[in-house]
Protein backbone atom coordinates (compact mmCIF):
# COMPACT_ATOMS: atom_id res chain seq x y z
CA MET A 1 -87.99 -23.12 32.22
CA ARG A 2 -88.58 -26.48 33.77
CA HIS A 3 -86.76 -29.44 32.30
CA ALA A 4 -88.36 -32.79 31.71
CA PRO A 5 -87.04 -35.61 33.87
CA LEU A 6 -84.10 -37.42 32.30
CA THR A 7 -86.04 -40.65 31.82
CA ALA A 8 -88.84 -38.85 30.00
CA PHE A 9 -86.34 -36.96 27.85
CA ALA A 10 -84.60 -40.20 26.92
CA ALA A 11 -87.93 -41.74 26.01
CA LEU A 12 -88.70 -38.81 23.73
CA LEU A 13 -85.34 -39.19 22.01
CA ALA A 14 -85.92 -42.91 21.50
CA PHE A 15 -89.34 -42.23 20.02
CA ALA A 16 -87.99 -39.59 17.65
CA ALA A 17 -84.91 -41.54 16.54
CA PRO A 18 -85.17 -43.05 13.06
CA ALA A 19 -85.38 -46.81 12.78
CA ALA A 20 -82.08 -48.56 12.19
CA ALA A 21 -81.40 -49.34 8.54
CA ALA A 22 -81.80 -52.97 7.54
CA ASP A 23 -78.70 -54.99 6.70
CA LEU A 24 -80.09 -55.92 3.27
CA ARG A 25 -82.79 -54.67 0.94
CA ILE A 26 -84.41 -57.46 -1.09
CA CYS A 27 -86.31 -56.70 -4.30
CA VAL A 28 -89.49 -58.78 -4.61
CA GLU A 29 -92.36 -58.55 -7.08
CA GLY A 30 -95.74 -59.03 -5.41
CA ALA A 31 -97.79 -59.94 -8.48
CA TYR A 32 -96.86 -63.57 -9.12
CA PRO A 33 -99.00 -65.90 -6.99
CA PRO A 34 -98.31 -68.21 -5.28
CA PHE A 35 -94.69 -67.04 -5.25
CA SER A 36 -95.43 -63.44 -4.34
CA GLU A 37 -98.60 -61.39 -4.06
CA ILE A 38 -100.34 -58.81 -1.92
CA SER A 39 -102.80 -60.17 0.64
CA PRO A 40 -106.21 -58.53 1.19
CA SER A 41 -104.70 -56.84 4.24
CA GLY A 42 -101.91 -55.35 2.11
CA ASP A 43 -99.08 -57.65 3.20
CA LEU A 44 -96.55 -59.33 0.92
CA ILE A 45 -97.08 -63.09 0.99
CA GLY A 46 -95.95 -66.14 -0.99
CA PHE A 47 -93.19 -68.71 -1.41
CA ASP A 48 -90.57 -66.15 -2.50
CA ILE A 49 -91.50 -63.88 0.38
CA ASP A 50 -91.20 -66.64 2.98
CA MET A 51 -87.95 -67.85 1.42
CA ALA A 52 -86.50 -64.33 1.50
CA ARG A 53 -87.29 -63.97 5.20
CA ALA A 54 -86.00 -67.45 6.04
CA LEU A 55 -82.74 -66.88 4.16
CA CYS A 56 -82.22 -63.56 5.92
CA ASP A 57 -82.88 -65.20 9.28
CA GLU A 58 -80.40 -67.98 8.51
CA MET A 59 -77.75 -65.39 7.56
CA GLY A 60 -78.46 -63.38 10.71
CA LYS A 61 -79.37 -60.33 8.64
CA SER A 62 -82.22 -57.87 9.00
CA CYS A 63 -83.90 -57.40 5.64
CA ASP A 64 -86.38 -55.00 4.10
CA LEU A 65 -88.50 -56.39 1.24
CA VAL A 66 -88.87 -53.82 -1.53
CA GLN A 67 -91.82 -54.40 -3.87
CA THR A 68 -90.55 -53.70 -7.38
CA ASP A 69 -92.12 -53.91 -10.85
CA TRP A 70 -90.75 -56.83 -12.82
CA ASP A 71 -89.73 -54.69 -15.79
CA GLY A 72 -87.34 -52.65 -13.65
CA ILE A 73 -86.19 -55.19 -11.11
CA ILE A 74 -82.66 -55.78 -12.49
CA GLU A 75 -82.11 -52.06 -12.90
CA SER A 76 -83.16 -51.58 -9.28
CA LEU A 77 -80.52 -54.10 -8.21
CA ASN A 78 -77.76 -52.61 -10.31
CA THR A 79 -78.52 -49.04 -9.21
CA LYS A 80 -78.32 -50.19 -5.58
CA LYS A 81 -81.98 -49.71 -4.72
CA CYS A 82 -81.73 -53.25 -3.37
CA ASP A 83 -78.97 -55.73 -2.64
CA ALA A 84 -80.56 -58.91 -4.01
CA ILE A 85 -83.57 -60.09 -5.99
CA ILE A 86 -85.73 -62.94 -4.72
CA ALA A 87 -88.50 -63.01 -7.31
CA SER A 88 -88.52 -66.40 -9.01
CA MET A 89 -85.85 -65.20 -11.42
CA SER A 90 -84.59 -68.02 -13.62
CA ILE A 91 -80.85 -68.38 -14.09
CA THR A 92 -80.09 -67.82 -17.78
CA PRO A 93 -76.94 -66.92 -19.74
CA ALA A 94 -78.42 -63.58 -20.82
CA ARG A 95 -79.10 -62.50 -17.24
CA MET A 96 -75.71 -63.76 -16.06
CA GLU A 97 -74.15 -61.11 -18.29
CA VAL A 98 -75.56 -58.37 -16.04
CA VAL A 99 -76.07 -59.99 -12.62
CA ASP A 100 -74.66 -62.89 -10.63
CA PHE A 101 -76.80 -65.74 -9.29
CA THR A 102 -76.71 -68.06 -6.35
CA ASN A 103 -77.43 -71.73 -6.80
CA LYS A 104 -81.10 -72.47 -7.48
CA TYR A 105 -83.64 -72.39 -4.70
CA TYR A 106 -86.30 -74.06 -6.84
CA HIS A 107 -86.78 -75.40 -10.37
CA THR A 108 -90.04 -76.07 -12.18
CA PRO A 109 -91.11 -76.12 -15.87
CA GLY A 110 -93.10 -73.79 -18.03
CA ALA A 111 -96.49 -74.72 -19.46
CA PHE A 112 -99.38 -73.63 -21.67
CA VAL A 113 -102.97 -73.11 -20.55
CA ALA A 114 -106.08 -72.68 -22.70
CA GLU A 115 -109.82 -73.13 -22.39
CA LYS A 116 -110.93 -76.74 -21.93
CA GLY A 117 -111.74 -78.37 -25.25
CA ALA A 118 -109.94 -75.72 -27.30
CA GLY A 119 -107.96 -78.46 -29.03
CA LEU A 120 -104.71 -76.46 -29.17
CA GLU A 121 -101.35 -78.13 -29.66
CA GLY A 122 -98.24 -76.86 -27.91
CA THR A 123 -96.21 -76.76 -31.10
CA PRO A 124 -95.07 -73.91 -33.34
CA GLU A 125 -97.63 -74.98 -35.93
CA GLY A 126 -100.39 -75.49 -33.37
CA LEU A 127 -100.01 -71.96 -31.97
CA ALA A 128 -99.42 -70.19 -35.30
CA GLY A 129 -101.75 -67.21 -35.48
CA LYS A 130 -103.03 -67.74 -31.92
CA ARG A 131 -103.04 -64.95 -29.36
CA VAL A 132 -100.71 -66.15 -26.63
CA GLY A 133 -100.20 -64.07 -23.50
CA VAL A 134 -96.84 -63.84 -21.71
CA GLN A 135 -95.38 -61.69 -18.99
CA ARG A 136 -93.03 -59.23 -20.63
CA GLY A 137 -89.30 -59.81 -20.18
CA THR A 138 -89.59 -63.36 -18.88
CA ILE A 139 -88.08 -66.64 -20.00
CA HIS A 140 -91.49 -67.54 -21.41
CA ASP A 141 -91.44 -64.39 -23.54
CA ASP A 142 -88.00 -65.37 -24.85
CA TYR A 143 -89.11 -68.97 -25.42
CA MET A 144 -92.14 -67.92 -27.47
CA VAL A 145 -90.08 -65.50 -29.56
CA GLY A 146 -87.39 -68.10 -30.23
CA GLU A 147 -89.48 -71.22 -30.81
CA PHE A 148 -93.00 -70.03 -31.74
CA PRO A 149 -92.33 -67.23 -34.25
CA LYS A 150 -95.79 -67.42 -35.85
CA ALA A 151 -97.73 -67.04 -32.60
CA ASN A 152 -99.36 -63.66 -32.00
CA LEU A 153 -97.69 -62.69 -28.73
CA VAL A 154 -99.47 -60.36 -26.33
CA ARG A 155 -97.18 -59.03 -23.58
CA TYR A 156 -98.24 -57.99 -20.08
CA GLY A 157 -96.53 -56.25 -17.19
CA THR A 158 -97.66 -58.95 -14.73
CA GLN A 159 -98.71 -62.59 -14.98
CA GLU A 160 -101.99 -61.75 -13.25
CA GLU A 161 -102.92 -59.43 -16.13
CA ALA A 162 -102.26 -62.17 -18.68
CA THR A 163 -104.43 -64.78 -16.98
CA ALA A 164 -107.16 -62.20 -16.39
CA ASP A 165 -107.34 -61.56 -20.15
CA LEU A 166 -107.33 -65.31 -20.84
CA ALA A 167 -110.28 -65.74 -18.45
CA VAL A 168 -112.42 -63.20 -20.33
CA GLY A 169 -111.58 -64.53 -23.81
CA ARG A 170 -109.08 -61.96 -25.04
CA LEU A 171 -106.40 -64.64 -25.47
CA ASP A 172 -106.28 -68.14 -26.91
CA ALA A 173 -103.59 -69.32 -24.49
CA VAL A 174 -101.03 -68.25 -21.91
CA ALA A 175 -97.43 -69.42 -21.55
CA ALA A 176 -95.98 -69.18 -18.05
CA ASP A 177 -94.56 -71.05 -15.10
CA LYS A 178 -96.50 -74.24 -14.48
CA ALA A 179 -96.96 -73.82 -10.73
CA THR A 180 -98.08 -70.24 -11.13
CA LEU A 181 -100.64 -71.28 -13.74
CA ASP A 182 -101.82 -74.17 -11.60
CA LEU A 183 -102.01 -72.65 -8.13
CA GLY A 184 -102.39 -69.02 -9.13
CA PHE A 185 -105.02 -69.56 -11.85
CA LEU A 186 -106.38 -73.05 -12.60
CA ARG A 187 -107.38 -73.70 -9.00
CA SER A 188 -109.14 -70.35 -8.74
CA ALA A 189 -112.75 -69.63 -9.71
CA ASP A 190 -111.55 -67.79 -12.84
CA GLY A 191 -109.54 -70.81 -13.98
CA GLU A 192 -112.16 -73.55 -13.66
CA ALA A 193 -112.88 -73.59 -17.40
CA PHE A 194 -109.20 -73.88 -18.39
CA GLU A 195 -106.55 -76.61 -18.52
CA PHE A 196 -102.94 -77.37 -19.34
CA PHE A 197 -102.03 -78.53 -22.82
CA GLY A 198 -98.82 -79.44 -24.63
CA GLY A 199 -96.94 -80.94 -21.68
CA ASP A 200 -94.10 -79.42 -19.68
CA GLN A 201 -91.94 -76.82 -21.41
CA ALA A 202 -88.35 -77.05 -20.15
CA VAL A 203 -85.74 -76.15 -22.77
CA PRO A 204 -82.44 -75.38 -20.98
CA LYS A 205 -81.51 -72.69 -23.50
CA TYR A 206 -84.51 -70.64 -22.39
CA HIS A 207 -85.65 -71.99 -19.05
CA GLY A 208 -82.27 -72.45 -17.39
CA PRO A 209 -81.43 -74.66 -14.38
CA GLY A 210 -83.84 -73.03 -11.95
CA ALA A 211 -84.58 -69.83 -10.06
CA GLY A 212 -81.80 -68.27 -8.02
CA VAL A 213 -81.17 -65.21 -5.91
CA ALA A 214 -79.78 -62.46 -8.14
CA ILE A 215 -77.07 -60.19 -6.77
CA ARG A 216 -74.83 -57.51 -8.25
CA LYS A 217 -71.80 -58.61 -10.26
CA GLY A 218 -68.80 -59.35 -8.12
CA ASP A 219 -70.56 -59.51 -4.74
CA GLU A 220 -69.04 -62.90 -4.01
CA GLU A 221 -69.37 -62.68 -0.22
CA LEU A 222 -73.14 -62.14 -0.40
CA LYS A 223 -73.50 -64.83 -3.05
CA GLN A 224 -71.77 -67.42 -0.87
CA ALA A 225 -73.77 -66.34 2.18
CA PHE A 226 -77.01 -66.96 0.28
CA ASN A 227 -75.72 -70.29 -1.04
CA ALA A 228 -74.88 -71.44 2.46
CA ALA A 229 -78.30 -70.32 3.70
CA ILE A 230 -80.11 -72.20 0.90
CA LEU A 231 -78.22 -75.37 1.82
CA ALA A 232 -79.05 -74.87 5.50
CA LEU A 233 -82.77 -74.52 4.77
CA ARG A 234 -82.68 -77.64 2.63
CA ALA A 235 -80.85 -79.57 5.36
CA ASP A 236 -83.61 -79.24 7.93
CA ASP A 237 -87.38 -78.85 7.93
CA ARG A 238 -87.51 -75.15 7.08
CA TYR A 239 -87.51 -75.49 3.30
CA ARG A 240 -90.03 -78.32 3.41
CA THR A 241 -92.31 -76.34 5.72
CA ILE A 242 -92.34 -73.34 3.39
CA ASN A 243 -92.76 -75.56 0.33
CA GLU A 244 -95.74 -77.42 1.81
CA LYS A 245 -97.43 -74.16 2.76
CA TYR A 246 -97.86 -73.35 -0.95
CA PHE A 247 -97.40 -76.52 -3.03
CA PRO A 248 -98.60 -80.14 -2.91
CA TYR A 249 -95.25 -81.23 -4.43
CA ASP A 250 -91.56 -80.44 -4.05
CA VAL A 251 -90.66 -77.44 -6.23
CA TYR A 252 -86.92 -77.76 -5.62
CA GLY A 253 -86.45 -80.36 -8.34
CA ALA A 254 -83.43 -82.62 -8.52
CA GLU A 255 -80.73 -82.10 -5.92
CA GLU A 256 -77.70 -80.19 -7.14
CA GLY A 257 -75.58 -82.45 -9.32
CA GLU A 258 -78.30 -85.02 -9.92
CA GLY A 259 -79.47 -83.69 -13.25
CA GLY A 260 -83.09 -83.34 -14.21
CA SER A 261 -85.23 -80.31 -13.65
CA THR A 262 -88.68 -80.74 -12.24
CA ALA A 263 -90.15 -82.30 -9.17
CA ALA A 264 -93.81 -82.43 -10.11
CA PRO A 265 -95.27 -85.13 -12.33
CA ALA A 266 -95.70 -84.13 -15.97
CA GLU A 267 -99.33 -83.14 -15.69
CA GLU A 268 -99.26 -82.25 -12.02
CA PRO A 269 -98.71 -78.61 -11.21
CA ALA A 270 -95.14 -77.60 -11.12
CA ALA A 271 -93.70 -74.25 -11.52
CA GLU A 272 -90.81 -72.09 -12.31
CA LYS A 273 -90.82 -68.39 -12.44
CA GLU A 274 -89.75 -66.51 -15.41
CA ALA A 275 -86.62 -64.63 -15.10
CA ALA A 276 -86.16 -60.97 -15.44
CA PRO A 277 -84.91 -59.33 -18.60
CA ALA A 278 -81.26 -58.51 -19.01
CA GLN A 279 -81.68 -54.76 -18.88
């Protein structure tokens, strides 16, 4: 039997060898534009996606992004299918019982959207009996349950499903993150006949201080690495470059320790993603 030359044999081994495992696996959603979505070519894109990659680069880590359904995203973290969640997850006391969070990497308010001229009021009385769509297991779901008990809530697995039903008249209104409603819906062809109403919705009890990176309880080293990376991105042009790619305003909000919550003007688009359920 003739043997292949050593160089050819080595090349075959290199081709057959499995790819090296990434340092970190990051759970992302992929159905929450403009924070995360799937492009026509099948790629993950969005603010969260770019932030995840930039944070990994800053930490010197190789990262795999794992698209995960919102309903099971915390379970995926806690069963070690991923090491962190970067999916516009708001920092709330309920979630802090089951995961740890970094400092915020952005903070924007919630909002209501309805058809133009509908005359709805963003009050418990104004939405009593109205069909209001929310993404299941989000801060907006919790907010509606706690403060709008007479609204007829309709829950969806993704925010895209909720706005799609609003567009075809199956809902009276949708409650969600303001930037997502603005840039992911109102500025699209489907959203031309709709508008914000009721002002910004930002109740700390429900909406929290912003969206952070979620990690497993007790992983202090990874938490501090992400915190340092967030600060580094904010300190130079990288955060601003990513922000301006998706938003015409600063979604970070007030600097840490300054108080306040939103960066966008009251009726300008701003956004904050709903956080995942404490599963």
